[in-house]
Amino acid sequence: MSAPVLIVDDHELVGTSLLLSLRAEGLDAHLVSRGDADDVLSVASRLAPGVALLYLDLGRDELGRLLDGTRLVGPLTGAGWKVIILSGSSDHGRIGAALDAGALAWVPKNAPLPALLMAVRAAQNGRSLMAPERRDQLIAMARRLTAERAALTDKLARLSRREREVLALLAQGRRAQAVADHFVVSLATVRTQIRAVLAKLEVSSQLEAVALYRKATGR
């Protein structure tokens, strides 16, 4: 029998459908329907390394935080698995980050089964159906976005705790007077804090400051 195929998807119905389809094609397929890293790596450790079909969007954890499959690429490839990313997302930055972490290729989640089978069999034979130029382009995009986020984080770190709180409220759509009411301070105080925020972030308007904040925090 060929090397195993491990499907990592938090949607059990979708994952089971893919599992049955791959088994019908003679592949030794297995499914992990939870995004918890320990569960995935535990199942992977009990199998001979093969091909992992890894969804990037793995639902949310107990605290409601999004689970990103990208974090599993490194551990899986380190254990000898060849990772193929499956994603319906158009976020090429995330896809590039997964490729940069060691994933072999990306296949859109809505790709027809024959295309996915072709990718799996290519991976089993040590090949990738993804054009090197496209792969390099996505990785370069991911690295650029990572550098931009780091620069934004550095700028936000210049703000005092209160200035960051003021900016967070502005990002929620609050006006300066509402911010002043929230902190029980004068409007003049809040305007002084806003000017300090703009200077430290090196922008000329509240709109730009809010845009930077949202980009850095994903809110």
N, C-alpha and C. Protein backbone atom coordinates (compact mmCIF):
# COMPACT_ATOMS: atom_id res chain seq x y z
N MET A 1 0.85 -1.21 0.00
CA MET A 1 0.00 0.00 0.00
C MET A 1 0.88 1.25 0.00
N SER A 2 0.39 2.31 -0.62
CA SER A 2 1.15 3.56 -0.70
C SER A 2 1.26 4.20 0.67
N ALA A 3 2.15 5.19 0.78
CA ALA A 3 2.33 5.92 2.03
C ALA A 3 1.01 6.55 2.45
N PRO A 4 0.77 6.67 3.75
CA PRO A 4 -0.52 7.20 4.22
C PRO A 4 -0.76 8.66 3.83
N VAL A 5 -2.02 9.01 3.80
CA VAL A 5 -2.44 10.39 3.57
C VAL A 5 -3.21 10.83 4.80
N LEU A 6 -2.75 11.87 5.46
CA LEU A 6 -3.39 12.36 6.67
C LEU A 6 -4.17 13.63 6.35
N ILE A 7 -5.48 13.60 6.57
CA ILE A 7 -6.34 14.76 6.32
C ILE A 7 -6.54 15.48 7.65
N VAL A 8 -6.24 16.78 7.67
CA VAL A 8 -6.43 17.58 8.88
C VAL A 8 -7.47 18.65 8.57
N ASP A 9 -8.68 18.46 9.11
CA ASP A 9 -9.78 19.38 8.82
C ASP A 9 -10.76 19.36 9.99
N ASP A 10 -11.17 20.53 10.47
CA ASP A 10 -12.07 20.56 11.62
C ASP A 10 -13.52 20.29 11.23
N HIS A 11 -13.84 20.32 9.92
CA HIS A 11 -15.20 20.01 9.47
C HIS A 11 -15.29 18.50 9.23
N GLU A 12 -15.90 17.80 10.16
CA GLU A 12 -15.91 16.34 10.09
C GLU A 12 -16.61 15.81 8.84
N LEU A 13 -17.69 16.46 8.44
CA LEU A 13 -18.43 15.99 7.27
C LEU A 13 -17.57 16.13 6.01
N VAL A 14 -16.95 17.29 5.84
CA VAL A 14 -16.09 17.51 4.68
C VAL A 14 -14.90 16.57 4.71
N GLY A 15 -14.28 16.46 5.90
CA GLY A 15 -13.12 15.59 6.02
C GLY A 15 -13.45 14.14 5.75
N THR A 16 -14.61 13.69 6.25
CA THR A 16 -15.01 12.30 6.04
C THR A 16 -15.29 12.02 4.57
N SER A 17 -15.90 12.98 3.90
CA SER A 17 -16.16 12.81 2.46
C SER A 17 -14.87 12.66 1.69
N LEU A 18 -13.87 13.49 2.04
CA LEU A 18 -12.58 13.39 1.36
C LEU A 18 -11.89 12.09 1.73
N LEU A 19 -12.01 11.68 2.99
CA LEU A 19 -11.42 10.42 3.44
C LEU A 19 -11.95 9.24 2.61
N LEU A 20 -13.26 9.17 2.46
CA LEU A 20 -13.87 8.07 1.71
C LEU A 20 -13.48 8.12 0.23
N SER A 21 -13.39 9.34 -0.31
CA SER A 21 -13.02 9.49 -1.72
C SER A 21 -11.59 9.00 -1.96
N LEU A 22 -10.69 9.35 -1.06
CA LEU A 22 -9.29 8.93 -1.23
C LEU A 22 -9.14 7.42 -1.04
N ARG A 23 -9.87 6.88 -0.08
CA ARG A 23 -9.81 5.43 0.13
C ARG A 23 -10.38 4.68 -1.07
N ALA A 24 -11.40 5.27 -1.70
CA ALA A 24 -11.97 4.63 -2.89
C ALA A 24 -10.98 4.61 -4.04
N GLU A 25 -9.98 5.50 -3.99
CA GLU A 25 -8.93 5.55 -5.01
C GLU A 25 -7.73 4.69 -4.61
N GLY A 26 -7.87 3.92 -3.52
CA GLY A 26 -6.81 3.01 -3.10
C GLY A 26 -5.76 3.63 -2.20
N LEU A 27 -6.02 4.83 -1.69
CA LEU A 27 -5.06 5.49 -0.82
C LEU A 27 -5.34 5.17 0.65
N ASP A 28 -4.28 5.06 1.42
CA ASP A 28 -4.39 4.76 2.85
C ASP A 28 -4.62 6.07 3.60
N ALA A 29 -5.88 6.53 3.59
CA ALA A 29 -6.20 7.85 4.14
C ALA A 29 -6.66 7.77 5.59
N HIS A 30 -6.32 8.81 6.35
CA HIS A 30 -6.69 8.94 7.76
C HIS A 30 -7.16 10.37 7.99
N LEU A 31 -8.02 10.56 9.00
CA LEU A 31 -8.59 11.87 9.25
C LEU A 31 -8.41 12.30 10.70
N VAL A 32 -7.98 13.55 10.87
CA VAL A 32 -8.00 14.20 12.18
C VAL A 32 -8.95 15.38 12.04
N SER A 33 -10.06 15.34 12.74
CA SER A 33 -11.08 16.37 12.55
C SER A 33 -11.05 17.45 13.61
N ARG A 34 -9.94 17.53 14.35
CA ARG A 34 -9.76 18.62 15.30
C ARG A 34 -8.50 19.38 14.98
N GLY A 35 -8.52 20.69 15.24
CA GLY A 35 -7.37 21.51 14.90
C GLY A 35 -6.31 21.56 15.98
N ASP A 36 -6.55 20.86 17.11
CA ASP A 36 -5.60 20.88 18.20
C ASP A 36 -4.27 20.27 17.76
N ALA A 37 -3.19 21.01 17.96
CA ALA A 37 -1.88 20.56 17.48
C ALA A 37 -1.48 19.23 18.09
N ASP A 38 -1.73 19.03 19.37
CA ASP A 38 -1.34 17.78 20.03
C ASP A 38 -2.07 16.59 19.42
N ASP A 39 -3.36 16.75 19.11
CA ASP A 39 -4.12 15.66 18.51
C ASP A 39 -3.56 15.30 17.13
N VAL A 40 -3.30 16.33 16.34
CA VAL A 40 -2.80 16.10 14.99
C VAL A 40 -1.44 15.40 15.02
N LEU A 41 -0.55 15.91 15.83
CA LEU A 41 0.80 15.35 15.88
C LEU A 41 0.81 13.96 16.52
N SER A 42 -0.13 13.70 17.43
CA SER A 42 -0.23 12.37 18.03
C SER A 42 -0.62 11.33 16.98
N VAL A 43 -1.63 11.68 16.17
CA VAL A 43 -2.04 10.76 15.10
C VAL A 43 -0.91 10.59 14.08
N ALA A 44 -0.28 11.70 13.71
CA ALA A 44 0.80 11.64 12.72
C ALA A 44 1.95 10.76 13.21
N SER A 45 2.23 10.79 14.50
CA SER A 45 3.36 10.02 15.05
C SER A 45 3.10 8.53 15.01
N ARG A 46 1.83 8.13 14.91
CA ARG A 46 1.49 6.70 14.88
C ARG A 46 1.48 6.14 13.46
N LEU A 47 1.72 6.99 12.49
CA LEU A 47 1.72 6.57 11.09
C LEU A 47 3.10 6.75 10.49
N ALA A 48 3.40 5.97 9.47
CA ALA A 48 4.63 6.22 8.72
C ALA A 48 4.43 7.53 7.97
N PRO A 49 5.45 8.41 7.94
CA PRO A 49 5.28 9.70 7.26
C PRO A 49 4.84 9.54 5.80
N GLY A 50 3.86 10.31 5.43
CA GLY A 50 3.36 10.29 4.06
C GLY A 50 3.02 11.69 3.62
N VAL A 51 1.80 11.88 3.13
CA VAL A 51 1.34 13.19 2.65
C VAL A 51 0.25 13.70 3.59
N ALA A 52 0.40 14.92 4.07
CA ALA A 52 -0.61 15.55 4.92
C ALA A 52 -1.38 16.58 4.12
N LEU A 53 -2.70 16.44 4.08
CA LEU A 53 -3.57 17.43 3.46
C LEU A 53 -4.07 18.32 4.58
N LEU A 54 -3.52 19.52 4.65
CA LEU A 54 -3.73 20.38 5.80
C LEU A 54 -4.56 21.61 5.44
N TYR A 55 -5.72 21.73 6.07
CA TYR A 55 -6.54 22.92 5.89
C TYR A 55 -5.98 24.05 6.75
N LEU A 56 -5.96 25.26 6.19
CA LEU A 56 -5.44 26.39 6.96
C LEU A 56 -6.44 26.87 8.01
N ASP A 57 -7.71 26.79 7.71
CA ASP A 57 -8.74 27.27 8.63
C ASP A 57 -9.27 26.09 9.45
N LEU A 58 -8.85 26.03 10.70
CA LEU A 58 -9.18 24.89 11.55
C LEU A 58 -10.12 25.25 12.69
N GLY A 59 -11.00 26.22 12.44
CA GLY A 59 -11.99 26.58 13.44
C GLY A 59 -11.41 27.44 14.56
N ARG A 60 -11.98 27.28 15.75
CA ARG A 60 -11.56 28.08 16.92
C ARG A 60 -11.30 27.17 18.12
N ASP A 61 -10.43 27.65 19.00
CA ASP A 61 -10.16 26.89 20.21
C ASP A 61 -11.20 27.20 21.28
N GLU A 62 -10.99 26.68 22.50
CA GLU A 62 -11.96 26.85 23.57
C GLU A 62 -12.18 28.31 23.94
N LEU A 63 -11.19 29.17 23.67
CA LEU A 63 -11.30 30.59 24.00
C LEU A 63 -11.83 31.42 22.84
N GLY A 64 -12.19 30.74 21.73
CA GLY A 64 -12.73 31.45 20.59
C GLY A 64 -11.69 31.99 19.64
N ARG A 65 -10.43 31.66 19.86
CA ARG A 65 -9.37 32.16 18.99
C ARG A 65 -9.26 31.29 17.74
N LEU A 66 -9.00 31.94 16.60
CA LEU A 66 -8.88 31.21 15.34
C LEU A 66 -7.66 30.30 15.38
N LEU A 67 -7.83 29.08 14.87
CA LEU A 67 -6.74 28.12 14.77
C LEU A 67 -6.21 28.13 13.34
N ASP A 68 -4.95 28.40 13.19
CA ASP A 68 -4.32 28.52 11.87
C ASP A 68 -3.46 27.29 11.60
N GLY A 69 -3.81 26.56 10.53
CA GLY A 69 -3.06 25.36 10.19
C GLY A 69 -1.60 25.60 9.88
N THR A 70 -1.24 26.85 9.59
CA THR A 70 0.16 27.16 9.27
C THR A 70 1.10 26.71 10.38
N ARG A 71 0.63 26.78 11.63
CA ARG A 71 1.50 26.44 12.77
C ARG A 71 1.85 24.95 12.81
N LEU A 72 1.11 24.13 12.05
CA LEU A 72 1.36 22.69 12.04
C LEU A 72 2.33 22.27 10.94
N VAL A 73 2.60 23.19 10.00
CA VAL A 73 3.45 22.83 8.86
C VAL A 73 4.84 22.42 9.33
N GLY A 74 5.46 23.25 10.18
CA GLY A 74 6.81 22.96 10.65
C GLY A 74 6.93 21.63 11.36
N PRO A 75 6.08 21.36 12.38
CA PRO A 75 6.16 20.07 13.07
C PRO A 75 5.92 18.87 12.15
N LEU A 76 4.98 18.99 11.22
CA LEU A 76 4.70 17.88 10.32
C LEU A 76 5.86 17.61 9.35
N THR A 77 6.37 18.67 8.75
CA THR A 77 7.49 18.48 7.82
C THR A 77 8.73 18.00 8.58
N GLY A 78 8.88 18.49 9.82
CA GLY A 78 10.00 18.04 10.63
C GLY A 78 9.93 16.56 10.95
N ALA A 79 8.70 16.01 10.98
CA ALA A 79 8.51 14.58 11.24
C ALA A 79 8.53 13.75 9.96
N GLY A 80 8.82 14.41 8.83
CA GLY A 80 8.95 13.67 7.57
C GLY A 80 7.74 13.71 6.67
N TRP A 81 6.69 14.44 7.06
CA TRP A 81 5.49 14.50 6.23
C TRP A 81 5.65 15.52 5.11
N LYS A 82 5.06 15.22 3.96
CA LYS A 82 5.00 16.17 2.85
C LYS A 82 3.64 16.85 2.92
N VAL A 83 3.65 18.14 3.15
CA VAL A 83 2.41 18.87 3.43
C VAL A 83 1.88 19.57 2.19
N ILE A 84 0.61 19.33 1.90
CA ILE A 84 -0.11 20.06 0.86
C ILE A 84 -1.17 20.90 1.56
N ILE A 85 -1.16 22.19 1.30
CA ILE A 85 -2.11 23.10 1.91
C ILE A 85 -3.41 23.10 1.10
N LEU A 86 -4.53 22.96 1.81
CA LEU A 86 -5.84 23.10 1.20
C LEU A 86 -6.50 24.33 1.81
N SER A 87 -6.94 25.25 0.99
CA SER A 87 -7.55 26.45 1.52
C SER A 87 -8.50 27.07 0.52
N GLY A 88 -9.65 27.49 1.03
CA GLY A 88 -10.59 28.24 0.21
C GLY A 88 -10.35 29.72 0.35
N SER A 89 -9.41 30.08 1.21
CA SER A 89 -9.12 31.49 1.47
C SER A 89 -8.39 32.11 0.29
N SER A 90 -8.66 33.40 0.08
CA SER A 90 -7.93 34.14 -0.95
C SER A 90 -6.77 34.91 -0.34
N ASP A 91 -6.47 34.63 0.93
CA ASP A 91 -5.37 35.30 1.63
C ASP A 91 -4.06 34.67 1.22
N HIS A 92 -3.47 35.20 0.16
CA HIS A 92 -2.24 34.62 -0.35
C HIS A 92 -1.07 34.81 0.60
N GLY A 93 -1.19 35.79 1.51
CA GLY A 93 -0.13 35.97 2.50
C GLY A 93 -0.05 34.76 3.42
N ARG A 94 -1.20 34.26 3.87
CA ARG A 94 -1.22 33.07 4.74
C ARG A 94 -0.73 31.85 3.99
N ILE A 95 -1.16 31.73 2.74
CA ILE A 95 -0.72 30.58 1.95
C ILE A 95 0.79 30.63 1.75
N GLY A 96 1.31 31.81 1.46
CA GLY A 96 2.76 31.96 1.30
C GLY A 96 3.50 31.64 2.57
N ALA A 97 2.93 32.02 3.72
CA ALA A 97 3.57 31.71 5.00
C ALA A 97 3.65 30.21 5.22
N ALA A 98 2.60 29.48 4.83
CA ALA A 98 2.61 28.03 4.96
C ALA A 98 3.65 27.40 4.04
N LEU A 99 3.75 27.92 2.83
CA LEU A 99 4.77 27.42 1.90
C LEU A 99 6.17 27.73 2.43
N ASP A 100 6.33 28.91 3.00
CA ASP A 100 7.63 29.31 3.55
C ASP A 100 8.01 28.42 4.74
N ALA A 101 6.98 27.92 5.45
CA ALA A 101 7.23 27.06 6.60
C ALA A 101 7.58 25.63 6.19
N GLY A 102 7.45 25.33 4.88
CA GLY A 102 7.85 24.01 4.41
C GLY A 102 6.81 23.22 3.66
N ALA A 103 5.60 23.78 3.50
CA ALA A 103 4.57 23.07 2.73
C ALA A 103 5.03 22.90 1.29
N LEU A 104 4.64 21.77 0.70
CA LEU A 104 5.10 21.45 -0.65
C LEU A 104 4.33 22.22 -1.72
N ALA A 105 3.03 22.39 -1.49
CA ALA A 105 2.21 23.03 -2.52
C ALA A 105 0.89 23.49 -1.91
N TRP A 106 0.15 24.26 -2.68
CA TRP A 106 -1.18 24.72 -2.29
C TRP A 106 -2.17 24.26 -3.35
N VAL A 107 -3.27 23.66 -2.88
CA VAL A 107 -4.36 23.26 -3.76
C VAL A 107 -5.63 23.95 -3.25
N PRO A 108 -6.34 24.71 -4.10
CA PRO A 108 -7.58 25.35 -3.65
C PRO A 108 -8.57 24.32 -3.12
N LYS A 109 -9.31 24.69 -2.08
CA LYS A 109 -10.24 23.77 -1.44
C LYS A 109 -11.35 23.32 -2.39
N ASN A 110 -11.66 24.14 -3.39
CA ASN A 110 -12.72 23.79 -4.34
C ASN A 110 -12.19 23.10 -5.59
N ALA A 111 -10.94 22.67 -5.55
CA ALA A 111 -10.37 21.96 -6.70
C ALA A 111 -11.08 20.62 -6.89
N PRO A 112 -11.23 20.17 -8.13
CA PRO A 112 -11.86 18.87 -8.36
C PRO A 112 -10.99 17.74 -7.80
N LEU A 113 -11.61 16.63 -7.44
CA LEU A 113 -10.89 15.51 -6.84
C LEU A 113 -9.73 15.02 -7.70
N PRO A 114 -9.89 14.91 -9.03
CA PRO A 114 -8.75 14.45 -9.84
C PRO A 114 -7.51 15.33 -9.68
N ALA A 115 -7.72 16.65 -9.53
CA ALA A 115 -6.58 17.56 -9.35
C ALA A 115 -5.91 17.30 -8.02
N LEU A 116 -6.70 17.06 -6.98
CA LEU A 116 -6.13 16.77 -5.66
C LEU A 116 -5.38 15.44 -5.67
N LEU A 117 -5.97 14.44 -6.32
CA LEU A 117 -5.30 13.14 -6.42
C LEU A 117 -3.97 13.27 -7.14
N MET A 118 -3.95 14.06 -8.18
CA MET A 118 -2.71 14.27 -8.93
C MET A 118 -1.65 14.90 -8.03
N ALA A 119 -2.08 15.86 -7.20
CA ALA A 119 -1.14 16.52 -6.30
C ALA A 119 -0.62 15.56 -5.25
N VAL A 120 -1.50 14.73 -4.71
CA VAL A 120 -1.09 13.76 -3.69
C VAL A 120 -0.09 12.76 -4.27
N ARG A 121 -0.38 12.25 -5.45
CA ARG A 121 0.52 11.26 -6.04
C ARG A 121 1.85 11.88 -6.46
N ALA A 122 1.79 13.13 -6.87
CA ALA A 122 3.04 13.82 -7.18
C ALA A 122 3.88 13.99 -5.92
N ALA A 123 3.22 14.35 -4.81
CA ALA A 123 3.94 14.51 -3.54
C ALA A 123 4.53 13.18 -3.08
N GLN A 124 3.78 12.10 -3.25
CA GLN A 124 4.28 10.78 -2.86
C GLN A 124 5.54 10.41 -3.64
N ASN A 125 5.64 10.95 -4.84
CA ASN A 125 6.81 10.68 -5.68
C ASN A 125 7.87 11.76 -5.58
N GLY A 126 7.69 12.66 -4.60
CA GLY A 126 8.69 13.71 -4.39
C GLY A 126 8.62 14.86 -5.36
N ARG A 127 7.48 15.01 -6.03
CA ARG A 127 7.32 16.10 -6.98
C ARG A 127 6.23 17.05 -6.51
N SER A 128 6.22 18.24 -7.06
CA SER A 128 5.18 19.22 -6.77
C SER A 128 4.60 19.73 -8.08
N LEU A 129 3.27 19.85 -8.10
CA LEU A 129 2.62 20.36 -9.30
C LEU A 129 2.58 21.89 -9.31
N MET A 130 3.10 22.51 -8.26
CA MET A 130 3.06 23.96 -8.16
C MET A 130 4.26 24.56 -8.88
N ALA A 131 4.01 25.52 -9.75
CA ALA A 131 5.10 26.16 -10.49
C ALA A 131 6.04 26.87 -9.52
N PRO A 132 7.36 26.67 -9.65
CA PRO A 132 8.31 27.32 -8.74
C PRO A 132 8.15 28.84 -8.69
N GLU A 133 7.84 29.44 -9.84
CA GLU A 133 7.68 30.89 -9.88
C GLU A 133 6.51 31.33 -9.01
N ARG A 134 5.39 30.60 -9.07
CA ARG A 134 4.22 30.94 -8.26
C ARG A 134 4.51 30.73 -6.78
N ARG A 135 5.20 29.66 -6.47
CA ARG A 135 5.57 29.37 -5.08
C ARG A 135 6.45 30.50 -4.53
N ASP A 136 7.47 30.88 -5.30
CA ASP A 136 8.38 31.95 -4.86
C ASP A 136 7.64 33.26 -4.68
N GLN A 137 6.68 33.54 -5.57
CA GLN A 137 5.90 34.77 -5.49
C GLN A 137 5.09 34.83 -4.19
N LEU A 138 4.44 33.72 -3.84
CA LEU A 138 3.63 33.68 -2.62
C LEU A 138 4.49 33.78 -1.37
N ILE A 139 5.65 33.14 -1.39
CA ILE A 139 6.55 33.21 -0.24
C ILE A 139 7.08 34.63 -0.06
N ALA A 140 7.45 35.27 -1.17
CA ALA A 140 7.93 36.65 -1.11
C ALA A 140 6.86 37.58 -0.55
N MET A 141 5.61 37.36 -0.96
CA MET A 141 4.50 38.16 -0.45
C MET A 141 4.35 37.97 1.06
N ALA A 142 4.43 36.73 1.52
CA ALA A 142 4.29 36.44 2.95
C ALA A 142 5.40 37.11 3.75
N ARG A 143 6.62 37.04 3.24
CA ARG A 143 7.74 37.65 3.96
C ARG A 143 7.60 39.16 4.01
N ARG A 144 7.11 39.75 2.93
CA ARG A 144 6.92 41.20 2.91
C ARG A 144 5.85 41.62 3.92
N LEU A 145 4.76 40.86 3.97
CA LEU A 145 3.69 41.19 4.92
C LEU A 145 4.15 41.01 6.36
N THR A 146 4.97 39.99 6.59
CA THR A 146 5.51 39.76 7.93
C THR A 146 6.38 40.93 8.36
N ALA A 147 7.21 41.41 7.43
CA ALA A 147 8.08 42.55 7.73
C ALA A 147 7.25 43.80 8.00
N GLU A 148 6.18 43.99 7.22
CA GLU A 148 5.31 45.16 7.42
C GLU A 148 4.62 45.10 8.77
N ARG A 149 4.13 43.90 9.15
CA ARG A 149 3.47 43.77 10.45
C ARG A 149 4.44 44.02 11.59
N ALA A 150 5.69 43.56 11.42
CA ALA A 150 6.69 43.79 12.46
C ALA A 150 6.97 45.28 12.62
N ALA A 151 7.03 45.99 11.50
CA ALA A 151 7.27 47.44 11.55
C ALA A 151 6.10 48.15 12.22
N LEU A 152 4.88 47.71 11.92
CA LEU A 152 3.71 48.31 12.55
C LEU A 152 3.68 48.04 14.05
N THR A 153 4.05 46.81 14.41
CA THR A 153 4.09 46.45 15.83
C THR A 153 5.10 47.31 16.57
N ASP A 154 6.24 47.57 15.93
CA ASP A 154 7.26 48.43 16.55
C ASP A 154 6.71 49.84 16.77
N LYS A 155 5.96 50.34 15.80
CA LYS A 155 5.39 51.68 15.94
C LYS A 155 4.37 51.72 17.07
N LEU A 156 3.51 50.70 17.14
CA LEU A 156 2.51 50.67 18.20
C LEU A 156 3.16 50.57 19.58
N ALA A 157 4.34 49.94 19.63
CA ALA A 157 5.05 49.80 20.90
C ALA A 157 5.52 51.15 21.45
N ARG A 158 5.56 52.17 20.58
CA ARG A 158 5.97 53.51 21.03
C ARG A 158 4.88 54.17 21.87
N LEU A 159 3.65 53.72 21.74
CA LEU A 159 2.53 54.36 22.42
C LEU A 159 2.50 53.98 23.89
N SER A 160 2.07 54.92 24.71
CA SER A 160 1.84 54.61 26.12
C SER A 160 0.58 53.74 26.22
N ARG A 161 0.37 53.17 27.40
CA ARG A 161 -0.81 52.33 27.59
C ARG A 161 -2.08 53.11 27.31
N ARG A 162 -2.20 54.34 27.83
CA ARG A 162 -3.40 55.14 27.63
C ARG A 162 -3.56 55.53 26.16
N GLU A 163 -2.47 55.87 25.49
CA GLU A 163 -2.54 56.23 24.07
C GLU A 163 -3.03 55.04 23.24
N ARG A 164 -2.59 53.84 23.61
CA ARG A 164 -3.05 52.65 22.89
C ARG A 164 -4.53 52.40 23.15
N GLU A 165 -4.97 52.65 24.38
CA GLU A 165 -6.39 52.49 24.70
C GLU A 165 -7.24 53.50 23.93
N VAL A 166 -6.74 54.71 23.82
CA VAL A 166 -7.45 55.74 23.05
C VAL A 166 -7.55 55.32 21.60
N LEU A 167 -6.47 54.83 21.05
CA LEU A 167 -6.47 54.40 19.65
C LEU A 167 -7.42 53.23 19.44
N ALA A 168 -7.46 52.31 20.39
CA ALA A 168 -8.37 51.17 20.28
C ALA A 168 -9.82 51.64 20.24
N LEU A 169 -10.15 52.62 21.04
CA LEU A 169 -11.51 53.15 21.03
C LEU A 169 -11.82 53.88 19.73
N LEU A 170 -10.87 54.62 19.22
CA LEU A 170 -11.06 55.27 17.92
C LEU A 170 -11.29 54.22 16.83
N ALA A 171 -10.57 53.11 16.93
CA ALA A 171 -10.72 52.03 15.94
C ALA A 171 -12.10 51.39 16.03
N GLN A 172 -12.76 51.52 17.18
CA GLN A 172 -14.12 51.01 17.35
C GLN A 172 -15.17 51.99 16.82
N GLY A 173 -14.69 53.14 16.33
CA GLY A 173 -15.61 54.12 15.78
C GLY A 173 -16.02 55.21 16.76
N ARG A 174 -15.39 55.23 17.94
CA ARG A 174 -15.71 56.28 18.92
C ARG A 174 -15.13 57.62 18.47
N ARG A 175 -15.86 58.69 18.75
CA ARG A 175 -15.36 60.05 18.50
C ARG A 175 -14.58 60.53 19.72
N ALA A 176 -13.83 61.60 19.53
CA ALA A 176 -12.98 62.11 20.61
C ALA A 176 -13.78 62.40 21.87
N GLN A 177 -14.96 63.00 21.75
CA GLN A 177 -15.77 63.31 22.93
C GLN A 177 -16.20 62.03 23.65
N ALA A 178 -16.55 61.00 22.89
CA ALA A 178 -16.94 59.73 23.50
C ALA A 178 -15.77 59.10 24.24
N VAL A 179 -14.57 59.25 23.68
CA VAL A 179 -13.37 58.73 24.34
C VAL A 179 -13.13 59.49 25.64
N ALA A 180 -13.31 60.80 25.60
CA ALA A 180 -13.15 61.62 26.80
C ALA A 180 -14.15 61.21 27.87
N ASP A 181 -15.39 60.98 27.46
CA ASP A 181 -16.42 60.54 28.41
C ASP A 181 -16.06 59.18 29.01
N HIS A 182 -15.51 58.30 28.17
CA HIS A 182 -15.15 56.96 28.63
C HIS A 182 -14.11 57.01 29.74
N PHE A 183 -13.11 57.86 29.57
CA PHE A 183 -12.03 57.94 30.56
C PHE A 183 -12.27 59.03 31.62
N VAL A 184 -13.39 59.73 31.47
CA VAL A 184 -13.74 60.81 32.40
C VAL A 184 -12.62 61.84 32.46
N VAL A 185 -12.25 62.32 31.28
CA VAL A 185 -11.23 63.37 31.17
C VAL A 185 -11.77 64.42 30.23
N SER A 186 -11.07 65.53 30.11
CA SER A 186 -11.52 66.60 29.22
C SER A 186 -11.27 66.25 27.76
N LEU A 187 -12.03 66.88 26.89
CA LEU A 187 -11.84 66.70 25.44
C LEU A 187 -10.44 67.17 25.04
N ALA A 188 -9.96 68.23 25.67
CA ALA A 188 -8.62 68.73 25.35
C ALA A 188 -7.55 67.69 25.65
N THR A 189 -7.73 66.94 26.74
CA THR A 189 -6.77 65.89 27.10
C THR A 189 -6.74 64.80 26.03
N VAL A 190 -7.91 64.40 25.59
CA VAL A 190 -7.98 63.35 24.57
C VAL A 190 -7.37 63.85 23.26
N ARG A 191 -7.63 65.08 22.91
CA ARG A 191 -7.06 65.62 21.66
C ARG A 191 -5.53 65.66 21.75
N THR A 192 -5.01 65.97 22.93
CA THR A 192 -3.56 65.95 23.12
C THR A 192 -3.02 64.53 22.95
N GLN A 193 -3.74 63.55 23.49
CA GLN A 193 -3.33 62.15 23.35
C GLN A 193 -3.39 61.70 21.90
N ILE A 194 -4.40 62.14 21.19
CA ILE A 194 -4.53 61.77 19.77
C ILE A 194 -3.37 62.36 18.96
N ARG A 195 -3.02 63.61 19.25
CA ARG A 195 -1.87 64.22 18.56
C ARG A 195 -0.59 63.43 18.84
N ALA A 196 -0.44 62.96 20.07
CA ALA A 196 0.74 62.17 20.41
C ALA A 196 0.74 60.85 19.64
N VAL A 197 -0.44 60.24 19.51
CA VAL A 197 -0.56 58.99 18.75
C VAL A 197 -0.15 59.19 17.30
N LEU A 198 -0.64 60.27 16.69
CA LEU A 198 -0.33 60.54 15.28
C LEU A 198 1.17 60.77 15.10
N ALA A 199 1.78 61.49 16.04
CA ALA A 199 3.21 61.77 15.93
C ALA A 199 4.03 60.49 16.06
N LYS A 200 3.67 59.65 17.03
CA LYS A 200 4.45 58.43 17.25
C LYS A 200 4.27 57.42 16.13
N LEU A 201 3.09 57.41 15.53
CA LEU A 201 2.84 56.48 14.41
C LEU A 201 3.27 57.07 13.07
N GLU A 202 3.69 58.34 13.08
CA GLU A 202 4.17 59.02 11.88
C GLU A 202 3.09 59.09 10.80
N VAL A 203 1.87 59.45 11.22
CA VAL A 203 0.77 59.62 10.27
C VAL A 203 0.17 61.01 10.50
N SER A 204 -0.68 61.44 9.58
CA SER A 204 -1.21 62.80 9.66
C SER A 204 -2.69 62.87 9.97
N SER A 205 -3.35 61.70 10.11
CA SER A 205 -4.78 61.74 10.39
C SER A 205 -5.19 60.56 11.27
N GLN A 206 -6.35 60.71 11.92
CA GLN A 206 -6.88 59.62 12.73
C GLN A 206 -7.21 58.40 11.86
N LEU A 207 -7.69 58.65 10.65
CA LEU A 207 -8.02 57.55 9.75
C LEU A 207 -6.80 56.68 9.47
N GLU A 208 -5.65 57.32 9.23
CA GLU A 208 -4.42 56.57 8.98
C GLU A 208 -3.99 55.80 10.23
N ALA A 209 -4.12 56.44 11.39
CA ALA A 209 -3.74 55.79 12.64
C ALA A 209 -4.61 54.55 12.89
N VAL A 210 -5.90 54.70 12.68
CA VAL A 210 -6.83 53.57 12.87
C VAL A 210 -6.53 52.46 11.87
N ALA A 211 -6.23 52.84 10.62
CA ALA A 211 -5.91 51.83 9.60
C ALA A 211 -4.67 51.03 9.99
N LEU A 212 -3.65 51.72 10.51
CA LEU A 212 -2.43 51.03 10.95
C LEU A 212 -2.74 50.10 12.12
N TYR A 213 -3.54 50.58 13.05
CA TYR A 213 -3.89 49.77 14.22
C TYR A 213 -4.62 48.49 13.79
N ARG A 214 -5.58 48.64 12.91
CA ARG A 214 -6.36 47.48 12.47
C ARG A 214 -5.49 46.50 11.68
N LYS A 215 -4.59 47.04 10.89
CA LYS A 215 -3.71 46.17 10.11
C LYS A 215 -2.77 45.39 11.02
N ALA A 216 -2.28 46.04 12.06
CA ALA A 216 -1.33 45.40 12.98
C ALA A 216 -2.01 44.38 13.88
N THR A 217 -3.26 44.66 14.27
CA THR A 217 -3.94 43.80 15.22
C THR A 217 -4.94 42.85 14.59
N GLY A 218 -5.24 43.06 13.30
CA GLY A 218 -6.21 42.21 12.62
C GLY A 218 -7.63 42.47 13.07
N ARG A 219 -7.89 43.65 13.64
CA ARG A 219 -9.25 43.98 14.13
C ARG A 219 -9.99 44.90 13.17
